[in-house]
Each structure stands twice: as structure tokens, then as C-alpha cells.
Amino acid sequence: MAKRMSNGDGTRPKYDESKKLWRIDITVPESEGSTKRRTLYARSEALVKEKRDKLKDEIKNGCLVSSEIDKLKLGEWLNEWLEVYKKGKISNNTYSSYSCTIRLRINDKLKETTLKKIRHNTLQKFINDSTKEFSNGTCSLIRVILHQALSAAVKNKYILHNPADGLQVPPVRKKEVVPLSKEELNLLLLNRKETRNYLYYVLSVYTGARIGEVLGLSWKDIDLKNNIIHIKHSLKYNSSINVYELGSTKTGKNRDIPILPKVVSVLKWHKARQAEEKLQTGEGYNSKNMVFCGLDGGYLAIHVMQGEFNKTIKELGINENATPHTLRHTFVSQMISSGIANIKLISNIVGHANINITLDTYGHLMPSDTQEAFNALSNHMKDIAL
């Protein structure tokens, strides 16, 4: 039997012929003050000593070293972390996003890795590889989830340090916003005119509201007396119960947008058409008094509207990269083209959290006033002799 060392380092390293590995036996603390004998193996004497020293360091710093904790896998911990630390503490939409990202983006590659074997370079390589497959936003969310979950693992003393500290998402060149041209916009509106959801296209390009905000409008949000639309809600999909429901706007703030006279006429036409549908269907139709509703009278699902938009764009041969969000970009583009260069005003109208987002998204569309500024400077300094 290998001799025990006197300084608490366990037995002296010994080569195990049966396993062809070096081993050290060491006593470690378990739960409730008990201890347990652990056997460490490695390919060389130096490596098994290194493994022992790492274990001692974990014990010294209060890290749990039970065999159950040592076997805990990242996939298991992420699911537990989501349930314990996030469920009921974040919005349903955010929870759904976290859950899908863990299931489809992280666990697919890393779930079998044990917590104590995760290294920073492993995670950084995973992030780098993910940028080749997923968007920059998705990769940023992966980084956030890993960092938060592993921070919780440190607090629980499952691991000594957070290997996700300092993870970076490689920068990608941001695609410039490409709004629809006036010709494309005319083609789209003419094609959709007097169709069931024509008003959706009109409101999108005359308010700049997001698709969820447009589909989340109720008739009580439409003030035709003062010609104002009150944007208070956004239609969102709750994946935990598989239904659409009204939630807050993206920033949590309400905003009012004027209704142009030409839009008022389309609103009235839409309301009259909806009243006809209600007469044909019965009193249960559109019981929530929504501006937009499905054929069954319930919420008009976002994916249904997206599908209609995509099909129309394809049929018309318009910008193949266009999405419903392109209508929002088109609204801002038309504002700027009309001579409105007040970035603060535009930011408030479209509901950005701050003007930096507006500048970052639409700055390239803003007219350059450099020459105008220097002309004004020259006029102001005309009495200065050179």
C-alpha cells in the first residue's frame, strides 16, 4: 500500500500498472463535516501532482469537491440556473429567448462538458465558431448566459473561478440599413391596397412602429378626434404557454404619434371592413377590440403577418433582404429625405431607448452639413484679416 504523506497531500504518487496511470489517494471534505477518500489519476507523476494541488487549492478556497459536483455537467447546470435564477424574474419573452439559446445554441456543443473542466479558451473558441453560424446578437446573448450562469456556479462554490470572465464576441461589420425606395414603396402599397391587412403596411410606413407595436394596437389606442395613435403595447409570443399576448413596448415607454389625414381615411376604411366581418362571424369576433385580428377574431399572429409580407416582397421582386422591419427603416428614411434632421425627434418618434441607437442605425442616411457649417463660419469671421 502506498505510504501516506505527513503534510496532508495524500499518498505519494504511485504508478498503477493495471491502469497505466499515476495515482494519488487523498482525503477530501464532503457535506456535513464528513470526509471521503478520492483517487486521482494522470498520465505522469507531474500531472497527478498538479491535479492534487488544484484540488487542494479548491478546498482551501471553500470550493465544493464532492464526486457529485465534480461530475456536474454544463448542460445540467444551465438548465438548473435557468429554473432557479431566471424563471419568474425576467419577462416571458426574455425567458423564452434564454431557454432557446441554451437548448439550441449552447447545449448542442457544450452540454457534456463538466463545470470543473471548462476553460476560458474553450469558451472563447466556442464563441468564435458561433459567429460563423449565428448573428452577432445571438453570440452576445450566448456570452451573457454563460457568464451569468458560471458566476452563479462560483457563488455556489461549484467552481473556483468564472471561466467566462473576459469573453469577447468578435466584432462584425454592421449591415447598413437599406430602406425601400419610393418606387418600391409605391409598388408595395398599390399591391396591398384594399386587402385585409392593407392598414398594417400603411401604419408601418407612416408611424415607424415595430411590427409587434402595430399588431398590438387596440381601437382605444386610436384617437381620431385628435388624430393621434397611442403606442402602449407590443404583441409578443409567450412560448411557455404557446400563446400571443400583449406586453409593454421594447423600451417600456409609451409614445404618441400624429396621424396624417391620408392615413385617417385608411383607418376608417379598415374599421368599416372589420365591422362587416364581425357581422358575418358573430359577437365573439374580435372581443379584444384590436385594430388587427386573425380570421378567427383573435390576435393577428406576428408570424402570419411576416409570412404575408415575405410572400408579397418575393412576388413583386422588391429588395430580397427586406423584412417587416424594413418598413420602419423606410419611415425614418422618408423623414430624413423630407428635410427632418432632428435626430432627437426621430429617436422619440420611433421609440429608441436613446439617440445613440438612432445615430448608429440611421447616421449614414443623415445629410452632411459640414460644408454648410464652414460656410457659416466663413461668414461669421469675414471681418478677420488674414
Protein backbone atom coordinates (compact mmCIF):
# COMPACT_ATOMS: atom_id res chain seq x y z
CA MET A 1 0.00 0.00 0.00
CA ALA A 2 1.25 3.46 -0.85
CA LYS A 3 2.51 5.42 2.15
CA ARG A 4 0.54 8.42 3.32
CA MET A 5 2.44 11.69 3.26
CA SER A 6 2.53 13.56 6.55
CA ASN A 7 1.57 17.02 5.26
CA GLY A 8 -1.98 16.21 4.15
CA ASP A 9 -1.08 15.82 0.49
CA GLY A 10 -2.43 12.30 0.35
CA THR A 11 -0.34 9.31 -0.62
CA ARG A 12 2.89 9.56 -2.52
CA PRO A 13 2.41 9.39 -6.31
CA LYS A 14 2.46 5.79 -7.46
CA TYR A 15 2.28 4.21 -10.90
CA ASP A 16 -0.77 1.95 -11.30
CA GLU A 17 0.22 -0.89 -13.63
CA SER A 18 -3.36 -2.00 -14.20
CA LYS A 19 -4.49 1.42 -15.45
CA LYS A 20 -1.14 2.53 -16.85
CA LEU A 21 -1.60 5.80 -14.97
CA TRP A 22 -0.08 7.60 -12.00
CA ARG A 23 -2.30 7.88 -8.92
CA ILE A 24 -2.62 9.72 -5.62
CA ASP A 25 -5.15 8.89 -2.91
CA ILE A 26 -6.29 11.87 -0.87
CA THR A 27 -8.92 12.54 1.78
CA VAL A 28 -11.28 15.42 0.98
CA PRO A 29 -14.15 17.05 2.91
CA GLU A 30 -17.69 16.07 1.96
CA SER A 31 -21.01 17.52 3.10
CA GLU A 32 -21.95 17.99 6.76
CA GLY A 33 -18.37 17.72 8.01
CA SER A 34 -17.70 14.19 6.71
CA THR A 35 -14.72 13.18 4.61
CA LYS A 36 -14.22 10.87 1.66
CA ARG A 37 -11.29 9.15 0.05
CA ARG A 38 -10.59 10.28 -3.51
CA THR A 39 -8.25 8.75 -6.06
CA LEU A 40 -6.67 10.99 -8.66
CA TYR A 41 -5.19 9.67 -11.91
CA ALA A 42 -2.97 11.27 -14.57
CA ARG A 43 -0.57 10.24 -17.33
CA SER A 44 2.55 11.35 -15.44
CA GLU A 45 3.75 11.95 -11.90
CA ALA A 46 3.94 15.71 -12.54
CA LEU A 47 0.38 15.82 -13.86
CA VAL A 48 -1.10 13.87 -10.97
CA LYS A 49 0.66 16.22 -8.53
CA GLU A 50 -0.74 19.17 -10.45
CA LYS A 51 -4.22 17.69 -10.20
CA ARG A 52 -3.76 17.16 -6.46
CA ASP A 53 -2.52 20.73 -5.93
CA LYS A 54 -5.50 22.11 -7.86
CA LEU A 55 -7.85 20.07 -5.68
CA LYS A 56 -6.13 21.34 -2.53
CA ASP A 57 -6.45 24.91 -3.78
CA GLU A 58 -10.18 24.44 -4.36
CA ILE A 59 -10.62 23.03 -0.86
CA LYS A 60 -8.59 25.87 0.68
CA ASN A 61 -10.81 28.45 -1.04
CA GLY A 62 -14.02 26.79 0.05
CA CYS A 63 -14.89 25.16 -3.27
CA LEU A 64 -17.06 22.04 -3.05
CA VAL A 65 -15.15 18.95 -4.16
CA SER A 66 -17.64 16.11 -3.82
CA SER A 67 -17.72 13.50 -6.57
CA GLU A 68 -21.24 14.66 -7.48
CA ILE A 69 -20.08 18.23 -8.01
CA ASP A 70 -17.05 17.08 -9.96
CA LYS A 71 -19.38 15.24 -12.36
CA LEU A 72 -21.82 18.16 -12.77
CA LYS A 73 -22.10 18.99 -16.48
CA LEU A 74 -22.61 22.41 -18.01
CA GLY A 75 -25.88 21.39 -19.66
CA GLU A 76 -27.31 20.24 -16.33
CA TRP A 77 -26.19 23.41 -14.58
CA LEU A 78 -27.56 25.73 -17.29
CA ASN A 79 -30.99 24.12 -17.00
CA GLU A 80 -30.90 24.39 -13.20
CA TRP A 81 -29.67 28.00 -13.37
CA LEU A 82 -32.47 28.93 -15.78
CA GLU A 83 -35.09 27.41 -13.47
CA VAL A 84 -33.72 28.78 -10.18
CA TYR A 85 -32.30 32.17 -11.15
CA LYS A 86 -34.37 33.31 -14.13
CA LYS A 87 -37.84 31.78 -14.14
CA GLY A 88 -40.36 34.32 -12.87
CA LYS A 89 -37.67 37.00 -12.56
CA ILE A 90 -37.47 38.05 -16.20
CA SER A 91 -40.16 38.59 -18.84
CA ASN A 92 -41.67 35.56 -20.57
CA ASN A 93 -40.18 36.74 -23.83
CA THR A 94 -36.67 37.01 -22.38
CA TYR A 95 -37.02 33.67 -20.58
CA SER A 96 -38.04 32.05 -23.86
CA SER A 97 -35.03 33.59 -25.59
CA TYR A 98 -32.67 32.31 -22.87
CA SER A 99 -34.23 28.85 -22.95
CA CYS A 100 -34.00 28.52 -26.75
CA THR A 101 -30.42 29.81 -26.80
CA ILE A 102 -29.34 27.29 -24.18
CA ARG A 103 -31.14 24.40 -25.86
CA LEU A 104 -30.29 25.13 -29.47
CA ARG A 105 -27.08 27.15 -29.36
CA ILE A 106 -25.08 26.13 -26.27
CA ASN A 107 -26.11 22.66 -25.13
CA ASP A 108 -25.75 21.32 -28.64
CA LYS A 109 -21.96 21.70 -28.33
CA LEU A 110 -21.05 22.09 -24.65
CA LYS A 111 -23.65 20.28 -22.52
CA GLU A 112 -21.45 17.23 -21.81
CA THR A 113 -18.50 19.31 -20.56
CA THR A 114 -18.17 19.15 -16.76
CA LEU A 115 -18.13 22.51 -14.98
CA LYS A 116 -14.70 21.98 -13.46
CA LYS A 117 -13.12 21.19 -16.83
CA ILE A 118 -14.37 24.30 -18.62
CA ARG A 119 -11.56 26.68 -19.58
CA HIS A 120 -11.67 30.24 -20.84
CA ASN A 121 -10.04 29.34 -24.15
CA THR A 122 -12.64 26.60 -24.70
CA LEU A 123 -15.46 29.11 -24.31
CA GLN A 124 -13.73 31.77 -26.40
CA LYS A 125 -13.19 29.28 -29.22
CA PHE A 126 -16.86 28.30 -28.96
CA ILE A 127 -17.89 31.98 -29.24
CA ASN A 128 -15.56 32.49 -32.22
CA ASP A 129 -17.00 29.45 -34.01
CA SER A 130 -20.56 30.58 -33.20
CA THR A 131 -20.06 33.86 -35.08
CA LYS A 132 -19.73 31.82 -38.27
CA GLU A 133 -23.18 30.35 -37.74
CA PHE A 134 -25.21 32.85 -35.74
CA SER A 135 -25.79 36.60 -35.67
CA ASN A 136 -23.70 38.94 -33.56
CA GLY A 137 -26.72 39.50 -31.31
CA THR A 138 -27.15 35.76 -30.71
CA CYS A 139 -23.45 35.37 -29.91
CA SER A 140 -23.65 38.27 -27.45
CA LEU A 141 -26.59 36.55 -25.74
CA ILE A 142 -24.61 33.29 -25.56
CA ARG A 143 -21.80 35.20 -23.83
CA VAL A 144 -24.21 36.81 -21.35
CA ILE A 145 -25.83 33.47 -20.47
CA LEU A 146 -22.51 31.69 -19.97
CA HIS A 147 -21.12 34.48 -17.81
CA GLN A 148 -24.20 34.78 -15.61
CA ALA A 149 -24.66 31.03 -15.19
CA LEU A 150 -21.00 30.40 -14.37
CA SER A 151 -20.96 33.36 -11.94
CA ALA A 152 -23.81 31.62 -10.11
CA ALA A 153 -21.74 28.41 -10.13
CA VAL A 154 -18.88 30.31 -8.44
CA LYS A 155 -21.30 31.65 -5.78
CA ASN A 156 -22.46 28.11 -5.14
CA LYS A 157 -18.79 27.08 -4.78
CA TYR A 158 -19.07 24.56 -7.60
CA ILE A 159 -16.09 26.16 -9.33
CA LEU A 160 -13.35 28.42 -8.04
CA HIS A 161 -13.22 30.98 -10.86
CA ASN A 162 -15.56 32.04 -13.68
CA PRO A 163 -14.04 30.84 -16.97
CA ALA A 164 -16.41 33.16 -18.86
CA ASP A 165 -14.78 36.31 -17.45
CA GLY A 166 -13.48 38.46 -20.29
CA LEU A 167 -15.14 36.54 -23.13
CA GLN A 168 -15.37 38.66 -26.26
CA VAL A 169 -17.69 38.48 -29.25
CA PRO A 170 -15.58 39.21 -32.33
CA PRO A 171 -16.84 42.42 -33.97
CA VAL A 172 -18.65 42.09 -37.25
CA ARG A 173 -19.29 44.76 -39.81
CA LYS A 174 -22.77 46.05 -39.20
CA LYS A 175 -25.01 45.95 -42.26
CA GLU A 176 -26.23 49.33 -43.31
CA VAL A 177 -29.97 49.87 -43.20
CA VAL A 178 -31.42 49.70 -46.72
CA PRO A 179 -34.94 51.20 -46.79
CA LEU A 180 -37.37 50.74 -49.64
CA SER A 181 -37.12 53.32 -52.39
CA LYS A 182 -40.16 55.47 -53.21
CA GLU A 183 -40.76 53.31 -56.29
CA GLU A 184 -40.63 50.09 -54.25
CA LEU A 185 -42.86 51.57 -51.57
CA ASN A 186 -45.45 52.65 -54.13
CA LEU A 187 -45.38 49.20 -55.72
CA LEU A 188 -45.89 47.50 -52.35
CA LEU A 189 -48.75 49.76 -51.21
CA LEU A 190 -50.55 49.53 -54.55
CA ASN A 191 -50.30 45.74 -54.43
CA ARG A 192 -51.71 45.58 -50.89
CA LYS A 193 -54.38 48.27 -51.34
CA GLU A 194 -57.81 47.20 -50.12
CA THR A 195 -56.54 43.80 -49.00
CA ARG A 196 -57.45 42.68 -45.49
CA ASN A 197 -54.21 43.87 -43.86
CA TYR A 198 -53.51 46.90 -46.04
CA LEU A 199 -53.63 49.14 -42.96
CA TYR A 200 -50.64 47.27 -41.46
CA TYR A 201 -48.40 48.44 -44.31
CA VAL A 202 -49.76 51.98 -44.13
CA LEU A 203 -49.27 52.33 -40.37
CA SER A 204 -45.79 50.80 -40.56
CA VAL A 205 -44.54 53.32 -43.12
CA TYR A 206 -46.37 56.30 -41.62
CA THR A 207 -45.55 55.73 -37.94
CA GLY A 208 -42.25 53.80 -37.92
CA ALA A 209 -43.69 51.47 -35.27
CA ARG A 210 -42.34 47.95 -34.81
CA ILE A 211 -44.40 45.03 -36.11
CA GLY A 212 -45.40 43.97 -32.57
CA GLU A 213 -46.44 47.53 -31.74
CA VAL A 214 -48.63 47.83 -34.85
CA LEU A 215 -50.28 44.44 -34.27
CA GLY A 216 -50.66 45.32 -30.57
CA LEU A 217 -52.88 48.35 -31.27
CA SER A 218 -56.44 48.31 -30.00
CA TRP A 219 -59.12 50.69 -31.24
CA LYS A 220 -58.99 52.58 -27.94
CA ASP A 221 -55.38 53.49 -28.85
CA ILE A 222 -56.62 55.28 -31.98
CA ASP A 223 -57.77 58.83 -31.20
CA LEU A 224 -59.45 60.03 -34.39
CA LYS A 225 -60.77 63.11 -32.62
CA ASN A 226 -57.25 64.46 -32.11
CA ASN A 227 -55.62 62.34 -34.85
CA ILE A 228 -53.13 60.61 -32.54
CA ILE A 229 -52.05 56.98 -32.17
CA HIS A 230 -51.10 55.95 -28.64
CA ILE A 231 -48.48 53.21 -28.75
CA LYS A 232 -48.69 51.50 -25.36
CA HIS A 233 -48.28 47.79 -26.06
CA SER A 234 -46.50 45.27 -28.22
CA LEU A 235 -47.84 41.89 -29.29
CA LYS A 236 -45.50 39.15 -28.10
CA TYR A 237 -45.38 35.37 -28.24
CA ASN A 238 -45.25 33.60 -24.89
CA SER A 239 -43.57 30.29 -25.68
CA SER A 240 -44.08 28.94 -22.16
CA ILE A 241 -47.84 28.71 -22.76
CA ASN A 242 -47.80 28.92 -26.58
CA VAL A 243 -49.99 31.98 -26.97
CA TYR A 244 -49.72 35.57 -28.19
CA GLU A 245 -50.33 38.25 -25.58
CA LEU A 246 -49.94 41.99 -25.12
CA GLY A 247 -46.83 43.23 -23.34
CA SER A 248 -45.01 46.51 -22.95
CA THR A 249 -43.13 48.23 -25.75
CA LYS A 250 -39.47 47.32 -26.24
CA THR A 251 -38.26 50.19 -24.06
CA GLY A 252 -41.21 50.01 -21.66
CA LYS A 253 -42.23 53.57 -22.60
CA ASN A 254 -45.42 54.76 -24.27
CA ARG A 255 -45.41 57.29 -27.10
CA ASP A 256 -47.89 59.26 -29.16
CA ILE A 257 -47.65 59.61 -32.94
CA PRO A 258 -49.72 62.02 -35.07
CA ILE A 259 -52.00 60.52 -37.73
CA LEU A 260 -51.75 62.15 -41.15
CA PRO A 261 -55.09 62.90 -42.91
CA LYS A 262 -54.41 60.35 -45.69
CA VAL A 263 -53.91 57.66 -43.02
CA VAL A 264 -57.17 58.56 -41.26
CA SER A 265 -59.15 57.56 -44.36
CA VAL A 266 -57.45 54.13 -44.46
CA LEU A 267 -58.16 53.65 -40.74
CA LYS A 268 -61.85 54.37 -41.28
CA TRP A 269 -61.97 52.03 -44.30
CA HIS A 270 -60.31 49.27 -42.26
CA LYS A 271 -62.69 49.72 -39.33
CA ALA A 272 -65.72 49.52 -41.61
CA ARG A 273 -64.42 46.34 -43.24
CA GLN A 274 -63.76 44.83 -39.82
CA ALA A 275 -67.32 45.65 -38.75
CA GLU A 276 -68.60 43.70 -41.78
CA GLU A 277 -66.51 40.68 -40.77
CA LYS A 278 -67.91 40.89 -37.25
CA LEU A 279 -71.49 40.88 -38.57
CA GLN A 280 -70.75 37.76 -40.60
CA THR A 281 -68.92 35.95 -37.78
CA GLY A 282 -70.91 36.97 -34.70
CA GLU A 283 -70.43 38.76 -31.39
CA GLY A 284 -67.40 36.70 -30.34
CA TYR A 285 -65.38 38.17 -33.20
CA ASN A 286 -62.52 40.48 -32.11
CA SER A 287 -63.66 40.57 -28.50
CA LYS A 288 -60.40 42.29 -27.53
CA ASN A 289 -61.23 45.25 -29.81
CA MET A 290 -57.93 45.01 -31.69
CA VAL A 291 -57.16 47.07 -34.80
CA PHE A 292 -55.78 43.87 -36.36
CA CYS A 293 -57.12 40.39 -35.73
CA GLY A 294 -56.97 36.98 -37.31
CA LEU A 295 -59.79 35.40 -39.28
CA ASP A 296 -60.92 33.76 -36.03
CA GLY A 297 -61.10 37.13 -34.27
CA GLY A 298 -58.04 36.52 -32.09
CA TYR A 299 -54.72 38.33 -32.24
CA LEU A 300 -53.17 38.55 -35.71
CA ALA A 301 -50.04 36.44 -35.16
CA ILE A 302 -46.73 38.11 -35.96
CA HIS A 303 -45.52 35.11 -37.95
CA VAL A 304 -48.66 35.26 -40.11
CA MET A 305 -48.01 38.93 -40.95
CA GLN A 306 -44.34 38.18 -41.60
CA GLY A 307 -45.31 35.36 -43.94
CA GLU A 308 -47.67 37.60 -45.90
CA PHE A 309 -45.01 40.32 -46.16
CA ASN A 310 -42.29 37.92 -47.33
CA LYS A 311 -44.55 36.36 -49.94
CA THR A 312 -45.56 39.77 -51.29
CA ILE A 313 -41.96 41.03 -51.47
CA LYS A 314 -40.94 37.92 -53.39
CA GLU A 315 -43.84 38.16 -55.83
CA LEU A 316 -43.11 41.83 -56.53
CA GLY A 317 -39.36 41.33 -56.89
CA ILE A 318 -38.67 44.00 -54.27
CA ASN A 319 -35.45 44.07 -52.20
CA GLU A 320 -34.92 40.40 -51.37
CA ASN A 321 -33.44 41.25 -47.96
CA ALA A 322 -36.49 43.29 -46.91
CA THR A 323 -38.34 42.32 -43.73
CA PRO A 324 -41.30 43.93 -41.95
CA HIS A 325 -38.68 45.95 -40.03
CA THR A 326 -37.65 47.47 -43.38
CA LEU A 327 -40.93 49.43 -43.33
CA ARG A 328 -39.78 51.05 -40.08
CA HIS A 329 -36.47 51.95 -41.72
CA THR A 330 -38.36 53.31 -44.71
CA PHE A 331 -40.36 55.62 -42.46
CA VAL A 332 -37.17 57.10 -40.96
CA SER A 333 -35.58 57.37 -44.40
CA GLN A 334 -38.57 59.33 -45.72
CA MET A 335 -38.46 61.65 -42.70
CA ILE A 336 -34.79 62.41 -43.32
CA SER A 337 -35.35 62.84 -47.06
CA SER A 338 -38.12 65.33 -46.32
CA GLY A 339 -35.59 67.54 -44.55
CA ILE A 340 -36.15 66.44 -40.94
CA ALA A 341 -32.66 66.05 -39.48
CA ASN A 342 -33.57 66.41 -35.79
CA ILE A 343 -32.13 63.10 -34.54
CA LYS A 344 -33.69 63.55 -31.07
CA LEU A 345 -37.14 64.00 -32.60
CA ILE A 346 -36.74 60.93 -34.82
CA SER A 347 -35.49 58.89 -31.86
CA ASN A 348 -38.57 59.80 -29.80
CA ILE A 349 -40.98 59.01 -32.63
CA VAL A 350 -39.60 55.53 -33.37
CA GLY A 351 -39.17 54.69 -29.68
CA HIS A 352 -35.44 54.15 -29.38
CA ALA A 353 -34.01 53.93 -25.88
CA ASN A 354 -31.55 56.74 -26.68
CA ILE A 355 -30.38 58.82 -29.64
CA ASN A 356 -27.14 56.83 -29.92
CA ILE A 357 -29.14 53.89 -31.25
CA THR A 358 -30.79 56.17 -33.80
CA LEU A 359 -27.46 57.65 -34.88
CA ASP A 360 -25.86 54.22 -35.10
CA THR A 361 -28.71 52.88 -37.24
CA TYR A 362 -29.52 55.86 -39.43
CA GLY A 363 -26.49 58.14 -39.21
CA HIS A 364 -25.37 57.22 -42.72
CA LEU A 365 -28.70 58.49 -44.09
CA MET A 366 -28.35 61.90 -42.44
CA PRO A 367 -27.33 64.71 -44.78
CA SER A 368 -23.82 66.02 -44.31
CA ASP A 369 -23.81 69.61 -43.07
CA THR A 370 -20.03 70.03 -42.98
CA GLN A 371 -19.90 72.47 -45.90
CA GLU A 372 -22.88 74.41 -44.56
CA ALA A 373 -21.16 74.74 -41.18
CA PHE A 374 -17.95 76.02 -42.75
CA ASN A 375 -19.86 78.50 -44.91
CA ALA A 376 -21.49 79.86 -41.74
CA LEU A 377 -18.07 80.02 -40.04
CA SER A 378 -16.62 81.91 -43.00
CA ASN A 379 -19.47 84.44 -42.89
CA HIS A 380 -19.10 84.89 -39.14
CA MET A 381 -15.33 85.51 -39.43
CA LYS A 382 -15.41 87.67 -42.56
CA ASP A 383 -14.06 90.68 -40.65
CA ILE A 384 -10.97 88.80 -39.52
CA ALA A 385 -7.95 89.87 -41.58
CA LEU A 386 -5.61 87.19 -42.90
